[in-house]
Amino acid sequence: MESATQKVETAIFAGGCFWCMEPVFDKMDGVLSVMPGYTGGEVPDPSYVEVCEGETGHAEAVLIRFDPTLVSFRELIDVFWRNIDPTTKNRQFCDFGTQYRTAVFYTSDEQRSVAEQSKRELEEKVPGGIVTEIVPAGAFYPAEEYHQQYYKKNPERYKMYHDGCGRNWRLKELWGQK
């Protein structure tokens, strides 16, 4: 629950399927909420079906509301990098298309600067180049209710999808053990 004096900032990350990005941030201290949705496209208020068809320009993303006195944007972006494959364009694990691209949608000049610096640092360590976009945030459209907290509402189906896509294998290959 937010208080009237609590400082709240927003971060927006696209890391492939938003179902898989939500639990990663949900568990972090200082994160107040994580909402899956769509951003980065041209069509106002798109539906899941429209975004999946790849015709709206939107990416599946998560909007994170956080208390910067408890968790920094840098900490959030470090977690973001470790939960995506930043070397693949328009694809994450078993999902293909521009709607599954990776991106940081910054909401301030400070976020842009932190994101660009962290990307430069990562490029020195990761062979193959980093293709993740760093772009200004635009309109964010919440996903349909059945996508919200999907991993909690449908734990078995979520686990089958998450594990079946090879996400854990690829992340371990990229980043090693936790």
N, C-alpha and C. Protein backbone atom coordinates (compact mmCIF):
# COMPACT_ATOMS: atom_id res chain seq x y z
N MET A 1 0.84 -1.19 0.00
CA MET A 1 0.00 0.00 0.00
C MET A 1 0.89 1.25 0.00
N GLU A 2 0.57 2.17 -0.87
CA GLU A 2 1.36 3.40 -0.97
C GLU A 2 0.86 4.43 0.04
N SER A 3 1.80 5.19 0.60
CA SER A 3 1.42 6.28 1.49
C SER A 3 1.47 7.58 0.70
N ALA A 4 0.88 8.62 1.26
CA ALA A 4 0.82 9.91 0.58
C ALA A 4 2.21 10.52 0.40
N THR A 5 3.15 10.16 1.27
CA THR A 5 4.50 10.73 1.18
C THR A 5 5.50 9.81 0.48
N GLN A 6 5.07 8.63 0.12
CA GLN A 6 5.97 7.67 -0.53
C GLN A 6 6.34 8.15 -1.93
N LYS A 7 7.62 8.03 -2.26
CA LYS A 7 8.09 8.38 -3.60
C LYS A 7 7.87 7.17 -4.51
N VAL A 8 7.26 7.40 -5.67
CA VAL A 8 6.97 6.32 -6.60
C VAL A 8 7.48 6.71 -7.98
N GLU A 9 8.24 5.81 -8.59
CA GLU A 9 8.70 5.98 -9.96
C GLU A 9 8.21 4.80 -10.79
N THR A 10 8.34 4.96 -12.10
CA THR A 10 7.89 3.93 -13.03
C THR A 10 9.04 3.50 -13.92
N ALA A 11 9.14 2.20 -14.14
CA ALA A 11 10.08 1.63 -15.11
C ALA A 11 9.27 0.75 -16.05
N ILE A 12 9.67 0.71 -17.32
CA ILE A 12 8.97 -0.12 -18.30
C ILE A 12 10.01 -0.92 -19.08
N PHE A 13 9.85 -2.25 -19.02
CA PHE A 13 10.76 -3.15 -19.71
C PHE A 13 9.99 -4.12 -20.59
N ALA A 14 10.50 -4.35 -21.78
CA ALA A 14 9.98 -5.40 -22.66
C ALA A 14 11.03 -6.50 -22.70
N GLY A 15 10.62 -7.69 -22.29
CA GLY A 15 11.56 -8.80 -22.21
C GLY A 15 10.98 -10.09 -22.75
N GLY A 16 10.25 -9.98 -23.84
CA GLY A 16 9.56 -11.16 -24.36
C GLY A 16 8.22 -11.29 -23.68
N CYS A 17 7.78 -12.51 -23.49
CA CYS A 17 6.47 -12.75 -22.88
C CYS A 17 6.36 -12.07 -21.52
N PHE A 18 5.34 -11.25 -21.37
CA PHE A 18 5.20 -10.53 -20.10
C PHE A 18 4.87 -11.45 -18.94
N TRP A 19 4.32 -12.62 -19.20
CA TRP A 19 4.07 -13.57 -18.11
C TRP A 19 5.36 -13.90 -17.37
N CYS A 20 6.45 -14.00 -18.11
CA CYS A 20 7.73 -14.42 -17.52
C CYS A 20 8.48 -13.26 -16.88
N MET A 21 8.15 -12.05 -17.23
CA MET A 21 8.84 -10.90 -16.64
C MET A 21 8.18 -10.45 -15.33
N GLU A 22 6.90 -10.70 -15.20
CA GLU A 22 6.17 -10.23 -14.02
C GLU A 22 6.70 -10.83 -12.71
N PRO A 23 6.86 -12.15 -12.58
CA PRO A 23 7.28 -12.69 -11.28
C PRO A 23 8.69 -12.27 -10.87
N VAL A 24 9.55 -12.02 -11.83
CA VAL A 24 10.93 -11.62 -11.54
C VAL A 24 10.95 -10.33 -10.72
N PHE A 25 10.13 -9.37 -11.12
CA PHE A 25 10.10 -8.08 -10.44
C PHE A 25 9.15 -8.07 -9.25
N ASP A 26 8.09 -8.86 -9.32
CA ASP A 26 7.12 -8.95 -8.23
C ASP A 26 7.77 -9.27 -6.89
N LYS A 27 8.84 -10.02 -6.94
CA LYS A 27 9.47 -10.53 -5.72
C LYS A 27 10.51 -9.59 -5.14
N MET A 28 10.75 -8.47 -5.78
CA MET A 28 11.81 -7.57 -5.33
C MET A 28 11.31 -6.60 -4.27
N ASP A 29 12.12 -6.40 -3.23
CA ASP A 29 11.83 -5.39 -2.23
C ASP A 29 11.82 -4.02 -2.90
N GLY A 30 10.86 -3.20 -2.56
CA GLY A 30 10.77 -1.86 -3.12
C GLY A 30 9.89 -1.77 -4.36
N VAL A 31 9.55 -2.91 -4.95
CA VAL A 31 8.64 -2.92 -6.09
C VAL A 31 7.21 -2.92 -5.53
N LEU A 32 6.44 -1.93 -5.95
CA LEU A 32 5.08 -1.77 -5.43
C LEU A 32 4.05 -2.52 -6.28
N SER A 33 4.28 -2.56 -7.59
CA SER A 33 3.37 -3.29 -8.47
C SER A 33 4.06 -3.56 -9.81
N VAL A 34 3.60 -4.61 -10.46
CA VAL A 34 4.09 -4.97 -11.79
C VAL A 34 2.86 -5.26 -12.63
N MET A 35 2.74 -4.55 -13.76
CA MET A 35 1.57 -4.71 -14.62
C MET A 35 2.01 -5.08 -16.03
N PRO A 36 1.58 -6.24 -16.53
CA PRO A 36 1.86 -6.56 -17.92
C PRO A 36 0.98 -5.74 -18.85
N GLY A 37 1.52 -5.44 -20.02
CA GLY A 37 0.75 -4.66 -20.98
C GLY A 37 1.51 -4.51 -22.29
N TYR A 38 1.11 -3.49 -23.04
CA TYR A 38 1.62 -3.28 -24.39
C TYR A 38 2.10 -1.84 -24.53
N THR A 39 3.25 -1.67 -25.21
CA THR A 39 3.78 -0.33 -25.42
C THR A 39 4.69 -0.34 -26.64
N GLY A 40 4.98 0.86 -27.15
CA GLY A 40 5.92 0.98 -28.25
C GLY A 40 5.31 0.86 -29.63
N GLY A 41 3.99 0.88 -29.72
CA GLY A 41 3.34 0.72 -31.01
C GLY A 41 2.53 1.93 -31.41
N GLU A 42 1.82 1.77 -32.53
CA GLU A 42 1.06 2.89 -33.09
C GLU A 42 -0.44 2.79 -32.84
N VAL A 43 -0.96 1.62 -32.56
CA VAL A 43 -2.41 1.42 -32.44
C VAL A 43 -2.86 1.72 -31.00
N PRO A 44 -3.81 2.61 -30.82
CA PRO A 44 -4.28 2.89 -29.46
C PRO A 44 -5.05 1.70 -28.88
N ASP A 45 -4.79 1.45 -27.59
CA ASP A 45 -5.51 0.44 -26.81
C ASP A 45 -5.64 -0.91 -27.54
N PRO A 46 -4.50 -1.51 -27.89
CA PRO A 46 -4.55 -2.77 -28.63
C PRO A 46 -4.98 -3.94 -27.74
N SER A 47 -5.48 -4.97 -28.36
CA SER A 47 -5.82 -6.20 -27.65
C SER A 47 -4.66 -7.17 -27.76
N TYR A 48 -4.68 -8.20 -26.94
CA TYR A 48 -3.67 -9.24 -26.99
C TYR A 48 -3.62 -9.89 -28.37
N VAL A 49 -4.77 -10.16 -28.93
CA VAL A 49 -4.83 -10.79 -30.25
C VAL A 49 -4.17 -9.89 -31.29
N GLU A 50 -4.47 -8.59 -31.26
CA GLU A 50 -3.86 -7.65 -32.22
C GLU A 50 -2.34 -7.60 -32.06
N VAL A 51 -1.88 -7.55 -30.82
CA VAL A 51 -0.43 -7.48 -30.57
C VAL A 51 0.23 -8.77 -31.03
N CYS A 52 -0.38 -9.92 -30.74
CA CYS A 52 0.19 -11.22 -31.14
C CYS A 52 0.29 -11.36 -32.65
N GLU A 53 -0.60 -10.72 -33.37
CA GLU A 53 -0.53 -10.77 -34.83
C GLU A 53 0.66 -9.98 -35.37
N GLY A 54 1.26 -9.15 -34.51
CA GLY A 54 2.46 -8.41 -34.89
C GLY A 54 2.22 -7.21 -35.77
N GLU A 55 0.98 -6.74 -35.84
CA GLU A 55 0.66 -5.63 -36.75
C GLU A 55 0.53 -4.28 -36.06
N THR A 56 0.62 -4.23 -34.72
CA THR A 56 0.39 -2.97 -34.02
C THR A 56 1.68 -2.21 -33.71
N GLY A 57 2.82 -2.90 -33.79
CA GLY A 57 4.09 -2.29 -33.43
C GLY A 57 4.40 -2.36 -31.94
N HIS A 58 3.45 -2.84 -31.15
CA HIS A 58 3.64 -2.91 -29.70
C HIS A 58 4.51 -4.09 -29.31
N ALA A 59 5.13 -3.95 -28.15
CA ALA A 59 5.85 -5.05 -27.52
C ALA A 59 5.11 -5.43 -26.25
N GLU A 60 5.14 -6.71 -25.91
CA GLU A 60 4.68 -7.11 -24.58
C GLU A 60 5.69 -6.56 -23.59
N ALA A 61 5.20 -5.94 -22.53
CA ALA A 61 6.10 -5.28 -21.58
C ALA A 61 5.51 -5.33 -20.18
N VAL A 62 6.31 -4.93 -19.21
CA VAL A 62 5.82 -4.78 -17.84
C VAL A 62 6.09 -3.35 -17.38
N LEU A 63 5.11 -2.78 -16.73
CA LEU A 63 5.22 -1.46 -16.11
C LEU A 63 5.41 -1.71 -14.62
N ILE A 64 6.51 -1.22 -14.11
CA ILE A 64 6.87 -1.45 -12.71
C ILE A 64 6.78 -0.14 -11.96
N ARG A 65 6.00 -0.13 -10.89
CA ARG A 65 5.95 1.03 -10.00
C ARG A 65 6.82 0.66 -8.81
N PHE A 66 7.78 1.54 -8.50
CA PHE A 66 8.74 1.20 -7.45
C PHE A 66 9.07 2.41 -6.58
N ASP A 67 9.53 2.12 -5.38
CA ASP A 67 9.96 3.14 -4.43
C ASP A 67 11.47 3.26 -4.57
N PRO A 68 11.97 4.37 -5.15
CA PRO A 68 13.41 4.51 -5.39
C PRO A 68 14.24 4.64 -4.12
N THR A 69 13.59 4.83 -2.97
CA THR A 69 14.34 4.84 -1.71
C THR A 69 14.64 3.42 -1.25
N LEU A 70 13.95 2.44 -1.85
CA LEU A 70 14.14 1.03 -1.46
C LEU A 70 14.82 0.19 -2.55
N VAL A 71 14.62 0.57 -3.80
CA VAL A 71 15.24 -0.14 -4.92
C VAL A 71 15.51 0.89 -6.02
N SER A 72 16.70 0.84 -6.58
CA SER A 72 17.06 1.82 -7.60
C SER A 72 16.68 1.32 -8.99
N PHE A 73 16.59 2.24 -9.93
CA PHE A 73 16.38 1.87 -11.32
C PHE A 73 17.53 0.99 -11.79
N ARG A 74 18.75 1.28 -11.35
CA ARG A 74 19.91 0.47 -11.74
C ARG A 74 19.73 -0.98 -11.27
N GLU A 75 19.23 -1.17 -10.07
CA GLU A 75 18.98 -2.53 -9.59
C GLU A 75 17.93 -3.22 -10.45
N LEU A 76 16.89 -2.49 -10.82
CA LEU A 76 15.84 -3.07 -11.66
C LEU A 76 16.41 -3.45 -13.03
N ILE A 77 17.19 -2.58 -13.62
CA ILE A 77 17.71 -2.88 -14.96
C ILE A 77 18.72 -4.03 -14.91
N ASP A 78 19.46 -4.15 -13.82
CA ASP A 78 20.36 -5.30 -13.69
C ASP A 78 19.57 -6.61 -13.66
N VAL A 79 18.45 -6.63 -12.98
CA VAL A 79 17.58 -7.81 -12.95
C VAL A 79 16.98 -8.05 -14.33
N PHE A 80 16.58 -6.98 -15.00
CA PHE A 80 16.05 -7.10 -16.36
C PHE A 80 17.05 -7.82 -17.27
N TRP A 81 18.30 -7.33 -17.31
CA TRP A 81 19.30 -7.93 -18.20
C TRP A 81 19.46 -9.42 -17.93
N ARG A 82 19.47 -9.81 -16.65
CA ARG A 82 19.72 -11.20 -16.29
C ARG A 82 18.52 -12.12 -16.56
N ASN A 83 17.43 -11.54 -17.02
CA ASN A 83 16.23 -12.34 -17.29
C ASN A 83 15.78 -12.29 -18.74
N ILE A 84 16.67 -11.77 -19.60
CA ILE A 84 16.40 -11.76 -21.04
C ILE A 84 17.62 -12.26 -21.78
N ASP A 85 17.44 -12.51 -23.07
CA ASP A 85 18.56 -12.75 -23.97
C ASP A 85 18.69 -11.48 -24.81
N PRO A 86 19.61 -10.58 -24.43
CA PRO A 86 19.72 -9.29 -25.12
C PRO A 86 20.42 -9.38 -26.48
N THR A 87 20.79 -10.59 -26.89
CA THR A 87 21.52 -10.77 -28.14
C THR A 87 20.63 -11.17 -29.31
N THR A 88 19.35 -11.38 -29.06
CA THR A 88 18.44 -11.81 -30.13
C THR A 88 17.45 -10.72 -30.46
N LYS A 89 17.28 -10.46 -31.75
CA LYS A 89 16.37 -9.41 -32.20
C LYS A 89 15.00 -10.01 -32.49
N ASN A 90 13.97 -9.35 -31.97
CA ASN A 90 12.58 -9.74 -32.24
C ASN A 90 12.30 -11.20 -31.88
N ARG A 91 12.90 -11.61 -30.77
CA ARG A 91 12.69 -12.99 -30.30
C ARG A 91 13.15 -13.08 -28.86
N GLN A 92 12.40 -13.84 -28.08
CA GLN A 92 12.84 -14.25 -26.76
C GLN A 92 12.43 -15.69 -26.57
N PHE A 93 13.44 -16.54 -26.49
CA PHE A 93 13.24 -17.95 -26.24
C PHE A 93 12.35 -18.57 -27.31
N CYS A 94 11.17 -19.07 -27.02
CA CYS A 94 10.37 -19.72 -28.06
C CYS A 94 9.38 -18.76 -28.74
N ASP A 95 9.40 -17.50 -28.38
CA ASP A 95 8.47 -16.53 -28.96
C ASP A 95 9.19 -15.66 -29.99
N PHE A 96 8.57 -15.54 -31.17
CA PHE A 96 9.16 -14.80 -32.28
C PHE A 96 8.26 -13.64 -32.70
N GLY A 97 8.86 -12.55 -33.14
CA GLY A 97 8.12 -11.41 -33.66
C GLY A 97 8.50 -10.14 -32.94
N THR A 98 8.19 -9.00 -33.56
CA THR A 98 8.54 -7.71 -32.96
C THR A 98 7.87 -7.49 -31.61
N GLN A 99 6.74 -8.15 -31.39
CA GLN A 99 6.03 -8.00 -30.12
C GLN A 99 6.82 -8.63 -28.96
N TYR A 100 7.85 -9.43 -29.28
CA TYR A 100 8.68 -10.07 -28.25
C TYR A 100 10.10 -9.49 -28.22
N ARG A 101 10.28 -8.31 -28.82
CA ARG A 101 11.58 -7.66 -28.78
C ARG A 101 11.91 -7.24 -27.36
N THR A 102 13.19 -7.00 -27.11
CA THR A 102 13.59 -6.50 -25.80
C THR A 102 13.83 -5.00 -25.89
N ALA A 103 13.40 -4.29 -24.85
CA ALA A 103 13.55 -2.84 -24.86
C ALA A 103 13.45 -2.29 -23.44
N VAL A 104 14.14 -1.20 -23.23
CA VAL A 104 13.98 -0.37 -22.04
C VAL A 104 13.26 0.87 -22.53
N PHE A 105 12.08 1.12 -21.99
CA PHE A 105 11.32 2.33 -22.32
C PHE A 105 11.52 3.30 -21.16
N TYR A 106 12.47 4.22 -21.32
CA TYR A 106 12.82 5.10 -20.21
C TYR A 106 11.79 6.21 -20.02
N THR A 107 11.63 6.61 -18.75
CA THR A 107 10.65 7.63 -18.39
C THR A 107 11.30 8.94 -17.96
N SER A 108 12.64 8.98 -17.96
CA SER A 108 13.35 10.21 -17.60
C SER A 108 14.74 10.17 -18.24
N ASP A 109 15.38 11.34 -18.29
CA ASP A 109 16.75 11.40 -18.80
C ASP A 109 17.69 10.58 -17.92
N GLU A 110 17.43 10.58 -16.61
CA GLU A 110 18.25 9.79 -15.69
C GLU A 110 18.13 8.30 -16.02
N GLN A 111 16.92 7.81 -16.25
CA GLN A 111 16.75 6.41 -16.62
C GLN A 111 17.46 6.10 -17.93
N ARG A 112 17.34 7.00 -18.90
CA ARG A 112 18.03 6.79 -20.17
C ARG A 112 19.53 6.66 -19.96
N SER A 113 20.10 7.53 -19.18
CA SER A 113 21.53 7.52 -18.91
C SER A 113 21.95 6.23 -18.22
N VAL A 114 21.21 5.82 -17.21
CA VAL A 114 21.52 4.58 -16.49
C VAL A 114 21.41 3.38 -17.43
N ALA A 115 20.36 3.35 -18.25
CA ALA A 115 20.16 2.24 -19.18
C ALA A 115 21.29 2.17 -20.21
N GLU A 116 21.67 3.31 -20.76
CA GLU A 116 22.75 3.33 -21.76
C GLU A 116 24.07 2.90 -21.14
N GLN A 117 24.35 3.37 -19.93
CA GLN A 117 25.59 2.98 -19.25
C GLN A 117 25.61 1.48 -18.97
N SER A 118 24.50 0.94 -18.48
CA SER A 118 24.46 -0.49 -18.16
C SER A 118 24.58 -1.33 -19.44
N LYS A 119 24.01 -0.84 -20.54
CA LYS A 119 24.12 -1.54 -21.82
C LYS A 119 25.57 -1.55 -22.30
N ARG A 120 26.27 -0.42 -22.17
CA ARG A 120 27.69 -0.35 -22.56
C ARG A 120 28.52 -1.35 -21.74
N GLU A 121 28.25 -1.40 -20.44
CA GLU A 121 28.97 -2.33 -19.57
C GLU A 121 28.71 -3.78 -19.99
N LEU A 122 27.48 -4.07 -20.34
CA LEU A 122 27.10 -5.42 -20.75
C LEU A 122 27.74 -5.80 -22.08
N GLU A 123 27.82 -4.85 -22.99
CA GLU A 123 28.41 -5.12 -24.31
C GLU A 123 29.86 -5.58 -24.20
N GLU A 124 30.54 -5.15 -23.15
CA GLU A 124 31.93 -5.57 -22.94
C GLU A 124 32.01 -7.03 -22.49
N LYS A 125 30.94 -7.57 -21.96
CA LYS A 125 30.95 -8.91 -21.38
C LYS A 125 30.25 -9.97 -22.22
N VAL A 126 29.31 -9.54 -23.07
CA VAL A 126 28.47 -10.49 -23.79
C VAL A 126 28.85 -10.53 -25.27
N PRO A 127 29.32 -11.69 -25.73
CA PRO A 127 29.63 -11.80 -27.16
C PRO A 127 28.36 -11.76 -28.01
N GLY A 128 28.49 -11.24 -29.21
CA GLY A 128 27.35 -11.23 -30.12
C GLY A 128 26.62 -9.91 -30.18
N GLY A 129 26.96 -8.97 -29.32
CA GLY A 129 26.31 -7.66 -29.35
C GLY A 129 24.97 -7.65 -28.65
N ILE A 130 24.60 -6.50 -28.16
CA ILE A 130 23.34 -6.30 -27.46
C ILE A 130 22.39 -5.58 -28.42
N VAL A 131 21.24 -6.17 -28.70
CA VAL A 131 20.27 -5.57 -29.63
C VAL A 131 19.08 -4.93 -28.91
N THR A 132 19.07 -4.98 -27.60
CA THR A 132 17.98 -4.39 -26.82
C THR A 132 17.91 -2.89 -27.07
N GLU A 133 16.72 -2.41 -27.39
CA GLU A 133 16.50 -0.99 -27.65
C GLU A 133 16.40 -0.21 -26.34
N ILE A 134 16.85 1.02 -26.36
CA ILE A 134 16.63 1.97 -25.27
C ILE A 134 15.94 3.16 -25.90
N VAL A 135 14.64 3.30 -25.61
CA VAL A 135 13.79 4.28 -26.28
C VAL A 135 12.88 4.98 -25.29
N PRO A 136 12.40 6.18 -25.63
CA PRO A 136 11.50 6.89 -24.72
C PRO A 136 10.19 6.12 -24.53
N ALA A 137 9.69 6.19 -23.32
CA ALA A 137 8.39 5.57 -23.03
C ALA A 137 7.28 6.37 -23.70
N GLY A 138 6.28 5.66 -24.14
CA GLY A 138 5.08 6.28 -24.69
C GLY A 138 3.88 5.73 -23.94
N ALA A 139 2.78 5.68 -24.62
CA ALA A 139 1.56 5.15 -24.00
C ALA A 139 1.76 3.69 -23.62
N PHE A 140 1.27 3.32 -22.46
CA PHE A 140 1.30 1.95 -21.98
C PHE A 140 -0.15 1.51 -21.77
N TYR A 141 -0.49 0.37 -22.34
CA TYR A 141 -1.85 -0.16 -22.25
C TYR A 141 -1.84 -1.45 -21.45
N PRO A 142 -2.52 -1.48 -20.31
CA PRO A 142 -2.56 -2.71 -19.51
C PRO A 142 -3.12 -3.88 -20.31
N ALA A 143 -2.53 -5.04 -20.10
CA ALA A 143 -3.04 -6.26 -20.73
C ALA A 143 -4.37 -6.62 -20.10
N GLU A 144 -5.09 -7.48 -20.78
CA GLU A 144 -6.37 -7.96 -20.28
C GLU A 144 -6.20 -8.61 -18.90
N GLU A 145 -7.27 -8.61 -18.14
CA GLU A 145 -7.25 -9.09 -16.76
C GLU A 145 -6.67 -10.50 -16.64
N TYR A 146 -6.99 -11.39 -17.56
CA TYR A 146 -6.51 -12.76 -17.42
C TYR A 146 -4.99 -12.88 -17.55
N HIS A 147 -4.33 -11.84 -18.05
CA HIS A 147 -2.86 -11.84 -18.12
C HIS A 147 -2.23 -11.32 -16.82
N GLN A 148 -2.98 -10.56 -16.05
CA GLN A 148 -2.45 -9.98 -14.81
C GLN A 148 -2.19 -11.11 -13.80
N GLN A 149 -0.97 -11.14 -13.27
CA GLN A 149 -0.59 -12.16 -12.28
C GLN A 149 -0.83 -13.58 -12.80
N TYR A 150 -0.59 -13.78 -14.09
CA TYR A 150 -0.86 -15.07 -14.73
C TYR A 150 -0.13 -16.21 -14.02
N TYR A 151 1.10 -15.95 -13.61
CA TYR A 151 1.88 -17.01 -12.97
C TYR A 151 1.28 -17.46 -11.64
N LYS A 152 0.51 -16.60 -11.00
CA LYS A 152 -0.16 -16.98 -9.75
C LYS A 152 -1.52 -17.63 -10.03
N LYS A 153 -2.23 -17.12 -11.02
CA LYS A 153 -3.56 -17.64 -11.34
C LYS A 153 -3.52 -19.02 -12.01
N ASN A 154 -2.46 -19.26 -12.78
CA ASN A 154 -2.33 -20.49 -13.57
C ASN A 154 -0.92 -21.07 -13.40
N PRO A 155 -0.54 -21.44 -12.18
CA PRO A 155 0.85 -21.82 -11.93
C PRO A 155 1.35 -23.01 -12.75
N GLU A 156 0.52 -24.01 -12.94
CA GLU A 156 0.98 -25.18 -13.70
C GLU A 156 1.16 -24.85 -15.18
N ARG A 157 0.20 -24.15 -15.75
CA ARG A 157 0.31 -23.77 -17.16
C ARG A 157 1.48 -22.81 -17.37
N TYR A 158 1.65 -21.87 -16.45
CA TYR A 158 2.78 -20.94 -16.52
C TYR A 158 4.10 -21.70 -16.49
N LYS A 159 4.24 -22.62 -15.55
CA LYS A 159 5.49 -23.38 -15.42
C LYS A 159 5.76 -24.20 -16.69
N MET A 160 4.74 -24.80 -17.26
CA MET A 160 4.93 -25.56 -18.50
C MET A 160 5.43 -24.66 -19.63
N TYR A 161 4.83 -23.49 -19.75
CA TYR A 161 5.24 -22.54 -20.79
C TYR A 161 6.67 -22.06 -20.52
N HIS A 162 6.91 -21.57 -19.31
CA HIS A 162 8.21 -21.01 -18.93
C HIS A 162 9.32 -22.02 -19.15
N ASP A 163 9.15 -23.21 -18.62
CA ASP A 163 10.19 -24.23 -18.72
C ASP A 163 10.29 -24.79 -20.14
N GLY A 164 9.15 -24.94 -20.81
CA GLY A 164 9.13 -25.51 -22.15
C GLY A 164 9.78 -24.63 -23.20
N CYS A 165 9.86 -23.34 -22.95
CA CYS A 165 10.47 -22.42 -23.91
C CYS A 165 11.99 -22.40 -23.83
N GLY A 166 12.56 -23.10 -22.89
CA GLY A 166 14.02 -23.12 -22.77
C GLY A 166 14.61 -21.88 -22.12
N ARG A 167 13.77 -21.13 -21.46
CA ARG A 167 14.20 -19.88 -20.84
C ARG A 167 15.33 -20.12 -19.84
N ASN A 168 15.13 -21.04 -18.91
CA ASN A 168 16.14 -21.28 -17.88
C ASN A 168 17.46 -21.74 -18.48
N TRP A 169 17.40 -22.61 -19.47
CA TRP A 169 18.60 -23.12 -20.12
C TRP A 169 19.39 -21.97 -20.76
N ARG A 170 18.70 -21.12 -21.53
CA ARG A 170 19.39 -20.03 -22.23
C ARG A 170 19.93 -19.00 -21.26
N LEU A 171 19.17 -18.68 -20.22
CA LEU A 171 19.66 -17.71 -19.24
C LEU A 171 20.89 -18.24 -18.52
N LYS A 172 20.88 -19.52 -18.21
CA LYS A 172 22.05 -20.12 -17.57
C LYS A 172 23.25 -20.09 -18.52
N GLU A 173 23.01 -20.36 -19.80
CA GLU A 173 24.07 -20.32 -20.80
C GLU A 173 24.67 -18.90 -20.90
N LEU A 174 23.80 -17.90 -20.89
CA LEU A 174 24.26 -16.51 -21.00
C LEU A 174 24.94 -15.99 -19.74
N TRP A 175 24.30 -16.23 -18.59
CA TRP A 175 24.70 -15.56 -17.36
C TRP A 175 25.35 -16.48 -16.32
N GLY A 176 25.33 -17.80 -16.58
CA GLY A 176 25.87 -18.75 -15.60
C GLY A 176 24.88 -18.96 -14.46
N GLN A 177 25.34 -19.59 -13.43
CA GLN A 177 24.49 -19.80 -12.25
C GLN A 177 24.13 -18.45 -11.66
N LYS A 178 22.99 -18.35 -11.06
CA LYS A 178 22.47 -17.13 -10.44
C LYS A 178 23.60 -16.24 -10.01
